[in-house]
N, C-alpha and C. Protein backbone atom coordinates (compact mmCIF):
# COMPACT_ATOMS: atom_id res chain seq x y z
N MET A 1 0.80 -1.20 0.04
CA MET A 1 0.07 -0.08 0.19
C MET A 1 0.87 1.15 0.00
N ASN A 2 0.54 2.22 -0.71
CA ASN A 2 1.21 3.47 -0.76
C ASN A 2 1.16 4.28 0.66
N SER A 3 2.33 4.62 1.07
CA SER A 3 2.51 5.33 2.40
C SER A 3 1.91 6.61 2.33
N LYS A 4 1.48 7.20 1.26
CA LYS A 4 0.86 8.49 1.14
C LYS A 4 -0.65 8.57 0.89
N SER A 5 -1.07 7.19 0.95
CA SER A 5 -2.47 7.04 0.73
C SER A 5 -3.30 7.72 1.95
N VAL A 6 -4.52 8.12 1.60
CA VAL A 6 -5.41 8.88 2.66
C VAL A 6 -6.28 7.81 3.33
N THR A 7 -6.22 7.56 4.62
CA THR A 7 -7.01 6.55 5.47
C THR A 7 -8.23 7.33 6.00
N SER A 8 -9.14 6.39 6.42
CA SER A 8 -10.37 6.94 6.92
C SER A 8 -9.92 7.85 8.33
N SER A 9 -8.98 7.32 8.99
CA SER A 9 -8.74 8.11 10.19
C SER A 9 -8.24 9.48 9.90
N ASP A 10 -7.52 9.76 8.79
CA ASP A 10 -6.98 10.97 8.26
C ASP A 10 -8.26 11.72 7.91
N LEU A 11 -9.31 11.26 7.25
CA LEU A 11 -10.45 11.84 6.87
C LEU A 11 -11.08 12.34 8.20
N ASN A 12 -11.41 11.49 9.20
CA ASN A 12 -12.00 11.80 10.25
C ASN A 12 -11.18 12.89 11.12
N GLY A 13 -9.97 12.89 11.07
CA GLY A 13 -9.14 14.06 11.53
C GLY A 13 -9.42 15.40 10.93
N PHE A 14 -9.64 15.38 9.72
CA PHE A 14 -9.82 16.54 8.86
C PHE A 14 -11.22 17.15 9.15
N LYS A 15 -12.05 16.23 9.50
CA LYS A 15 -13.53 16.60 9.63
C LYS A 15 -13.53 17.08 11.06
N ASP A 16 -12.77 16.67 12.12
CA ASP A 16 -12.66 17.14 13.36
C ASP A 16 -11.91 18.46 13.50
N TRP A 17 -10.97 18.68 12.61
CA TRP A 17 -10.46 19.92 12.56
C TRP A 17 -11.29 20.95 11.93
N ARG A 18 -12.02 20.68 10.93
CA ARG A 18 -12.95 21.58 10.44
C ARG A 18 -14.03 21.95 11.25
N SER A 19 -14.68 20.95 12.14
CA SER A 19 -15.69 21.20 13.17
C SER A 19 -15.20 22.22 14.28
N LYS A 20 -13.85 21.91 14.63
CA LYS A 20 -13.17 22.80 15.63
C LYS A 20 -13.21 24.19 15.35
N ILE A 21 -12.70 24.48 14.13
CA ILE A 21 -12.66 25.90 13.84
C ILE A 21 -13.78 26.64 13.68
N THR A 22 -14.84 25.90 13.59
CA THR A 22 -16.18 26.66 13.40
C THR A 22 -16.84 26.90 14.81
N GLU A 23 -16.27 26.26 15.91
CA GLU A 23 -16.97 26.43 17.15
C GLU A 23 -16.55 27.82 17.75
N ALA A 24 -17.50 28.39 18.35
CA ALA A 24 -17.46 29.81 19.02
C ALA A 24 -16.22 29.92 19.85
N GLU A 25 -16.09 28.97 20.60
CA GLU A 25 -15.03 29.20 21.78
C GLU A 25 -13.72 29.13 21.02
N TRP A 26 -13.40 28.35 20.15
CA TRP A 26 -12.05 28.32 19.42
C TRP A 26 -11.90 29.56 18.52
N LEU A 27 -12.95 29.84 17.71
CA LEU A 27 -12.88 30.95 16.84
C LEU A 27 -12.80 32.25 17.66
N GLY A 28 -13.42 32.50 18.76
CA GLY A 28 -13.36 33.66 19.69
C GLY A 28 -11.92 33.91 20.21
N GLN A 29 -11.40 32.81 20.60
CA GLN A 29 -10.12 32.85 21.30
C GLN A 29 -9.07 33.13 20.35
N THR A 30 -9.20 32.68 19.12
CA THR A 30 -8.14 32.77 18.11
C THR A 30 -8.23 34.17 17.57
N LEU A 31 -9.37 34.72 17.26
CA LEU A 31 -9.50 36.22 16.87
C LEU A 31 -9.08 37.02 17.89
N ALA A 32 -9.49 36.73 19.22
CA ALA A 32 -8.86 37.61 20.20
C ALA A 32 -7.43 37.80 20.38
N SER A 33 -6.64 36.49 20.11
CA SER A 33 -5.32 36.56 20.26
C SER A 33 -4.70 37.34 19.04
N LEU A 34 -5.37 37.12 17.89
CA LEU A 34 -4.78 37.81 16.66
C LEU A 34 -4.98 39.33 16.79
N CYS A 35 -6.17 39.70 17.39
CA CYS A 35 -6.33 41.25 17.71
C CYS A 35 -5.31 41.74 18.71
N TRP A 36 -4.83 40.89 19.65
CA TRP A 36 -3.96 41.22 20.60
C TRP A 36 -2.65 41.39 20.01
N VAL A 37 -2.34 40.50 19.18
CA VAL A 37 -1.00 40.57 18.33
C VAL A 37 -0.92 41.96 17.51
N VAL A 38 -2.00 42.11 16.82
CA VAL A 38 -1.98 43.22 15.99
C VAL A 38 -1.90 44.62 16.70
N SER A 39 -2.62 44.67 17.98
CA SER A 39 -2.57 45.99 18.90
C SER A 39 -1.23 46.30 19.36
N VAL A 40 -0.43 45.26 19.63
CA VAL A 40 0.76 45.38 20.08
C VAL A 40 1.73 46.28 18.90
N PHE A 41 1.52 45.74 17.67
CA PHE A 41 2.19 46.54 16.47
C PHE A 41 1.68 48.01 16.39
N VAL A 42 0.39 48.10 16.54
CA VAL A 42 -0.39 49.44 16.28
C VAL A 42 0.28 50.38 17.40
N TYR A 43 0.46 49.94 18.47
CA TYR A 43 0.84 50.93 19.75
C TYR A 43 2.37 50.88 19.77
N GLY A 44 2.95 50.03 19.14
CA GLY A 44 4.53 50.05 19.17
C GLY A 44 5.16 49.04 20.21
N LEU A 45 6.47 48.78 19.92
CA LEU A 45 7.18 48.01 20.64
C LEU A 45 8.37 49.04 21.33
N SER A 46 8.04 49.35 22.52
CA SER A 46 8.93 50.37 23.30
C SER A 46 9.57 49.96 24.27
N SER A 47 8.92 48.88 25.03
CA SER A 47 9.57 48.46 26.24
C SER A 47 9.50 46.91 26.53
N ILE A 48 10.18 46.46 27.50
CA ILE A 48 10.12 44.95 27.72
C ILE A 48 8.72 44.47 27.91
N GLY A 49 7.96 45.28 28.57
CA GLY A 49 6.34 44.81 28.57
C GLY A 49 5.73 44.75 27.26
N ASP A 50 5.99 45.51 26.42
CA ASP A 50 5.54 45.36 25.07
C ASP A 50 5.80 44.08 24.50
N TYR A 51 6.93 43.60 24.63
CA TYR A 51 7.54 42.47 23.98
C TYR A 51 6.93 41.27 24.86
N LEU A 52 6.76 41.24 26.12
CA LEU A 52 6.16 40.16 26.82
C LEU A 52 4.79 40.16 26.36
N GLN A 53 3.98 41.43 26.15
CA GLN A 53 2.67 41.22 25.60
C GLN A 53 2.52 40.30 24.35
N LEU A 54 3.49 40.79 23.30
CA LEU A 54 3.51 40.17 22.06
C LEU A 54 3.80 38.61 22.34
N PHE A 55 4.61 38.24 23.11
CA PHE A 55 5.10 36.93 23.26
C PHE A 55 3.92 36.19 24.17
N ALA A 56 3.17 36.72 24.75
CA ALA A 56 1.92 36.05 25.37
C ALA A 56 0.75 35.92 24.45
N ALA A 57 0.68 36.89 23.49
CA ALA A 57 -0.34 36.73 22.55
C ALA A 57 0.02 35.76 21.39
N LEU A 58 1.34 35.68 21.10
CA LEU A 58 1.63 34.57 20.23
C LEU A 58 1.56 33.24 20.75
N LEU A 59 1.93 33.02 21.87
CA LEU A 59 1.68 31.79 22.60
C LEU A 59 0.25 31.36 22.74
N TRP A 60 -0.49 32.21 23.02
CA TRP A 60 -1.95 31.93 22.93
C TRP A 60 -2.48 31.48 21.59
N LEU A 61 -2.07 32.38 20.52
CA LEU A 61 -2.41 31.86 19.21
C LEU A 61 -1.80 30.63 18.85
N PHE A 62 -0.63 30.22 19.15
CA PHE A 62 -0.03 28.84 18.76
C PHE A 62 -0.83 27.74 19.66
N ALA A 63 -1.08 28.10 20.88
CA ALA A 63 -1.74 27.09 21.64
C ALA A 63 -3.08 26.71 21.01
N ASN A 64 -3.85 27.81 20.56
CA ASN A 64 -5.09 27.52 19.84
C ASN A 64 -4.86 26.67 18.46
N ILE A 65 -3.81 26.93 17.79
CA ILE A 65 -3.72 26.34 16.51
C ILE A 65 -3.11 24.86 16.93
N ALA A 66 -2.35 24.62 17.96
CA ALA A 66 -1.95 23.21 18.40
C ALA A 66 -3.20 22.50 18.83
N SER A 67 -4.23 23.13 19.39
CA SER A 67 -5.21 22.28 19.86
C SER A 67 -6.11 21.67 18.57
N LEU A 68 -5.82 22.05 17.42
CA LEU A 68 -6.54 21.34 16.37
C LEU A 68 -5.93 19.95 16.24
N LYS A 69 -4.97 19.67 16.40
CA LYS A 69 -4.43 18.39 16.49
C LYS A 69 -4.82 17.47 17.66
N LYS A 70 -5.29 16.42 17.64
CA LYS A 70 -5.59 15.51 18.69
C LYS A 70 -4.55 14.93 19.55
């Protein structure tokens, strides 16, 4: 069997991923983290606190993306 063939578990994972991104909780948190990242750049990076804010927002975004994998 070809190692690159799509299995039914792969398709189920895709369906789970698609259903997760349409949930209000995941979508709301992801949009909030993106807004937080954008706001850091709008107001500028002028102190260590600004960099910490950016780091926190990016970690929140990456955690939301990572939650798509089971």
